[in-house]
Amino acid sequence: MTAFSQFDLFPERVTVERIDAQAAAGERSRVKAIFVVRYERQPGRHQVFNDRHGWYCAEHGPTCPAVAVARSDARHHGRDQDASG
C-alpha cells in the first residue's frame, strides 16, 4: 500500500508575476520579458527571462521548471513574443 501525504491531495500553488522588462532593464535592453515564479512549498523565487538568449532562469538555466511555467503563463495571456526560443 502506498502512503499519501497532504501534499498528494493538494497541488502546489505556483504564482507568476510579470515584471515590466523595459522599466527593470532599461529602454535599450533587449530583454523581451521578465517573470518571477514562486512555488508554495519551496523557498525563494525564480527570475525567468526571455531575451536574445531565449528563455532561462537566472539561477538554474533554461531547463528549470519555472521556465515552462513562465512560458505557459505568457502564452495563456497572449504575450509570448518568442514561443519557440
N, C-alpha and C. Protein backbone atom coordinates (compact mmCIF):
# COMPACT_ATOMS: atom_id res chain seq x y z
N MET A 1 0.84 -1.18 0.00
CA MET A 1 0.00 0.00 0.00
C MET A 1 0.89 1.24 0.00
N THR A 2 0.50 2.23 -0.80
CA THR A 2 1.27 3.46 -0.91
C THR A 2 0.77 4.48 0.10
N ALA A 3 1.70 5.09 0.80
CA ALA A 3 1.34 6.12 1.76
C ALA A 3 1.20 7.46 1.04
N PHE A 4 0.19 8.20 1.42
CA PHE A 4 -0.04 9.51 0.83
C PHE A 4 0.14 10.58 1.89
N SER A 5 0.54 11.75 1.46
CA SER A 5 0.61 12.89 2.36
C SER A 5 -0.41 13.92 1.91
N GLN A 6 -0.58 14.94 2.69
CA GLN A 6 -1.49 16.01 2.30
C GLN A 6 -1.03 16.67 1.00
N PHE A 7 0.26 16.68 0.77
CA PHE A 7 0.79 17.27 -0.46
C PHE A 7 0.29 16.53 -1.69
N ASP A 8 0.00 15.23 -1.55
CA ASP A 8 -0.52 14.47 -2.68
C ASP A 8 -1.97 14.86 -3.00
N LEU A 9 -2.69 15.34 -2.02
CA LEU A 9 -4.09 15.69 -2.22
C LEU A 9 -4.29 17.10 -2.75
N PHE A 10 -3.36 17.99 -2.44
CA PHE A 10 -3.49 19.38 -2.84
C PHE A 10 -2.29 19.79 -3.69
N PRO A 11 -2.52 20.15 -4.94
CA PRO A 11 -1.40 20.53 -5.79
C PRO A 11 -0.72 21.80 -5.27
N GLU A 12 0.57 21.87 -5.50
CA GLU A 12 1.35 23.03 -5.07
C GLU A 12 0.91 24.27 -5.85
N ARG A 13 0.67 25.36 -5.14
CA ARG A 13 0.33 26.61 -5.81
C ARG A 13 1.59 27.26 -6.34
N VAL A 14 1.47 27.77 -7.54
CA VAL A 14 2.58 28.46 -8.19
C VAL A 14 2.08 29.85 -8.58
N THR A 15 2.85 30.87 -8.21
CA THR A 15 2.47 32.21 -8.60
C THR A 15 3.46 32.74 -9.62
N VAL A 16 2.94 33.45 -10.60
CA VAL A 16 3.76 34.02 -11.66
C VAL A 16 3.48 35.51 -11.70
N GLU A 17 4.54 36.29 -11.58
CA GLU A 17 4.42 37.75 -11.64
C GLU A 17 5.22 38.25 -12.83
N ARG A 18 4.58 39.04 -13.68
CA ARG A 18 5.27 39.62 -14.83
C ARG A 18 5.83 40.98 -14.41
N ILE A 19 7.11 41.17 -14.69
CA ILE A 19 7.79 42.42 -14.39
C ILE A 19 7.90 43.23 -15.69
N ASP A 20 7.72 44.52 -15.62
CA ASP A 20 7.88 45.37 -16.80
C ASP A 20 9.36 45.36 -17.19
N ALA A 21 9.67 44.67 -18.28
CA ALA A 21 11.06 44.49 -18.71
C ALA A 21 11.74 45.81 -19.02
N GLN A 22 11.05 46.71 -19.65
CA GLN A 22 11.65 48.00 -20.01
C GLN A 22 11.96 48.83 -18.77
N ALA A 23 11.07 48.80 -17.80
CA ALA A 23 11.30 49.55 -16.57
C ALA A 23 12.43 48.92 -15.74
N ALA A 24 12.50 47.60 -15.72
CA ALA A 24 13.50 46.91 -14.91
C ALA A 24 14.89 46.90 -15.56
N ALA A 25 14.93 46.68 -16.87
CA ALA A 25 16.22 46.52 -17.55
C ALA A 25 16.63 47.74 -18.37
N GLY A 26 15.73 48.67 -18.55
CA GLY A 26 16.04 49.86 -19.33
C GLY A 26 15.46 49.79 -20.73
N GLU A 27 15.19 50.95 -21.28
CA GLU A 27 14.57 51.02 -22.59
C GLU A 27 15.43 50.44 -23.70
N ARG A 28 16.73 50.48 -23.55
CA ARG A 28 17.63 49.98 -24.60
C ARG A 28 17.93 48.49 -24.47
N SER A 29 17.42 47.90 -23.42
CA SER A 29 17.66 46.47 -23.19
C SER A 29 16.95 45.63 -24.25
N ARG A 30 17.51 44.46 -24.53
CA ARG A 30 16.90 43.54 -25.47
C ARG A 30 16.05 42.49 -24.76
N VAL A 31 15.84 42.67 -23.46
CA VAL A 31 15.00 41.75 -22.70
C VAL A 31 13.55 41.95 -23.13
N LYS A 32 12.92 40.85 -23.54
CA LYS A 32 11.53 40.91 -24.00
C LYS A 32 10.55 40.74 -22.84
N ALA A 33 10.92 39.91 -21.87
CA ALA A 33 10.01 39.63 -20.76
C ALA A 33 10.79 39.17 -19.54
N ILE A 34 10.28 39.53 -18.38
CA ILE A 34 10.84 39.08 -17.10
C ILE A 34 9.67 38.60 -16.24
N PHE A 35 9.85 37.42 -15.64
CA PHE A 35 8.84 36.85 -14.76
C PHE A 35 9.51 36.45 -13.45
N VAL A 36 8.73 36.51 -12.38
CA VAL A 36 9.16 35.96 -11.09
C VAL A 36 8.20 34.83 -10.77
N VAL A 37 8.75 33.64 -10.60
CA VAL A 37 7.94 32.45 -10.33
C VAL A 37 8.24 31.98 -8.90
N ARG A 38 7.18 31.78 -8.14
CA ARG A 38 7.33 31.29 -6.76
C ARG A 38 6.50 30.02 -6.58
N TYR A 39 7.09 29.06 -5.90
CA TYR A 39 6.42 27.81 -5.59
C TYR A 39 6.05 27.82 -4.11
N GLU A 40 4.84 27.40 -3.82
CA GLU A 40 4.31 27.45 -2.46
C GLU A 40 5.19 26.69 -1.46
N ARG A 41 5.72 25.56 -1.84
CA ARG A 41 6.45 24.69 -0.91
C ARG A 41 7.96 24.78 -1.04
N GLN A 42 8.43 25.76 -1.77
CA GLN A 42 9.88 25.93 -1.95
C GLN A 42 10.26 27.35 -1.56
N PRO A 43 11.37 27.49 -0.85
CA PRO A 43 11.80 28.85 -0.50
C PRO A 43 12.36 29.56 -1.74
N GLY A 44 12.34 30.86 -1.69
CA GLY A 44 12.96 31.65 -2.75
C GLY A 44 12.06 31.85 -3.95
N ARG A 45 12.66 32.36 -5.00
CA ARG A 45 11.93 32.65 -6.23
C ARG A 45 12.84 32.43 -7.42
N HIS A 46 12.22 32.28 -8.57
CA HIS A 46 12.95 32.08 -9.81
C HIS A 46 12.73 33.31 -10.69
N GLN A 47 13.80 33.92 -11.15
CA GLN A 47 13.70 35.03 -12.09
C GLN A 47 13.88 34.44 -13.49
N VAL A 48 12.83 34.54 -14.29
CA VAL A 48 12.83 33.95 -15.63
C VAL A 48 12.86 35.09 -16.65
N PHE A 49 13.79 34.97 -17.59
CA PHE A 49 13.97 35.99 -18.62
C PHE A 49 13.70 35.42 -20.00
N ASN A 50 13.22 36.26 -20.88
CA ASN A 50 13.14 35.96 -22.31
C ASN A 50 13.89 37.09 -23.00
N ASP A 51 15.03 36.76 -23.58
CA ASP A 51 15.82 37.76 -24.28
C ASP A 51 16.52 37.12 -25.47
N ARG A 52 17.55 37.74 -25.97
CA ARG A 52 18.24 37.22 -27.16
C ARG A 52 18.83 35.82 -26.95
N HIS A 53 18.97 35.40 -25.72
CA HIS A 53 19.48 34.06 -25.41
C HIS A 53 18.36 33.04 -25.29
N GLY A 54 17.12 33.49 -25.40
CA GLY A 54 15.97 32.60 -25.25
C GLY A 54 15.39 32.72 -23.85
N TRP A 55 14.68 31.68 -23.45
CA TRP A 55 14.05 31.63 -22.13
C TRP A 55 14.97 30.91 -21.16
N TYR A 56 15.15 31.49 -19.94
CA TYR A 56 16.01 30.84 -18.94
C TYR A 56 15.75 31.42 -17.56
N CYS A 57 16.03 30.61 -16.57
CA CYS A 57 16.00 31.03 -15.16
C CYS A 57 17.39 31.58 -14.85
N ALA A 58 17.43 32.72 -14.19
CA ALA A 58 18.72 33.36 -13.89
C ALA A 58 19.64 32.45 -13.07
N GLU A 59 19.08 31.63 -12.22
CA GLU A 59 19.90 30.77 -11.35
C GLU A 59 20.09 29.36 -11.90
N HIS A 60 19.07 28.80 -12.54
CA HIS A 60 19.10 27.39 -12.92
C HIS A 60 19.19 27.13 -14.42
N GLY A 61 19.10 28.17 -15.23
CA GLY A 61 19.23 27.98 -16.67
C GLY A 61 17.93 27.62 -17.37
N PRO A 62 18.03 27.23 -18.64
CA PRO A 62 16.84 27.01 -19.46
C PRO A 62 16.04 25.75 -19.11
N THR A 63 16.62 24.82 -18.39
CA THR A 63 15.91 23.58 -18.06
C THR A 63 15.12 23.66 -16.75
N CYS A 64 15.19 24.79 -16.08
CA CYS A 64 14.47 24.97 -14.82
C CYS A 64 12.96 24.86 -15.08
N PRO A 65 12.23 24.13 -14.24
CA PRO A 65 10.78 24.01 -14.42
C PRO A 65 10.05 25.35 -14.40
N ALA A 66 10.60 26.34 -13.74
CA ALA A 66 9.97 27.66 -13.69
C ALA A 66 9.91 28.31 -15.07
N VAL A 67 10.82 27.94 -15.96
CA VAL A 67 10.81 28.48 -17.33
C VAL A 67 9.54 28.03 -18.04
N ALA A 68 9.20 26.76 -17.92
CA ALA A 68 7.99 26.24 -18.55
C ALA A 68 6.74 26.91 -17.97
N VAL A 69 6.76 27.17 -16.67
CA VAL A 69 5.62 27.83 -16.02
C VAL A 69 5.47 29.25 -16.57
N ALA A 70 6.57 29.99 -16.66
CA ALA A 70 6.52 31.37 -17.16
C ALA A 70 6.09 31.41 -18.62
N ARG A 71 6.61 30.50 -19.43
CA ARG A 71 6.23 30.47 -20.84
C ARG A 71 4.75 30.13 -21.00
N SER A 72 4.27 29.21 -20.20
CA SER A 72 2.86 28.85 -20.24
C SER A 72 1.99 30.04 -19.85
N ASP A 73 2.40 30.77 -18.82
CA ASP A 73 1.66 31.96 -18.40
C ASP A 73 1.66 33.00 -19.52
N ALA A 74 2.80 33.19 -20.16
CA ALA A 74 2.89 34.17 -21.25
C ALA A 74 1.98 33.78 -22.41
N ARG A 75 1.98 32.49 -22.76
CA ARG A 75 1.11 32.03 -23.85
C ARG A 75 -0.36 32.18 -23.47
N HIS A 76 -0.67 31.83 -22.24
CA HIS A 76 -2.06 31.90 -21.75
C HIS A 76 -2.60 33.33 -21.81
N HIS A 77 -1.73 34.28 -21.56
CA HIS A 77 -2.14 35.68 -21.55
C HIS A 77 -1.82 36.38 -22.86
N GLY A 78 -1.43 35.61 -23.89
CA GLY A 78 -1.19 36.17 -25.22
C GLY A 78 -0.04 37.14 -25.29
N ARG A 79 1.01 36.88 -24.51
CA ARG A 79 2.13 37.80 -24.51
C ARG A 79 3.48 37.10 -24.67
N ASP A 80 3.49 35.96 -25.32
CA ASP A 80 4.72 35.21 -25.56
C ASP A 80 5.32 35.69 -26.87
N GLN A 81 6.28 36.60 -26.80
CA GLN A 81 6.87 37.16 -28.00
C GLN A 81 7.72 36.16 -28.78
N ASP A 82 8.18 35.13 -28.12
CA ASP A 82 9.05 34.18 -28.79
C ASP A 82 8.77 32.78 -28.25
N ALA A 83 7.70 32.19 -28.65
CA ALA A 83 7.27 30.88 -28.11
C ALA A 83 8.24 29.77 -28.45
N SER A 84 8.99 29.89 -29.51
CA SER A 84 9.86 28.80 -29.93
C SER A 84 11.24 28.88 -29.30
N GLY A 85 11.65 30.04 -28.79
CA GLY A 85 13.02 30.24 -28.35
C GLY A 85 13.24 30.01 -26.98
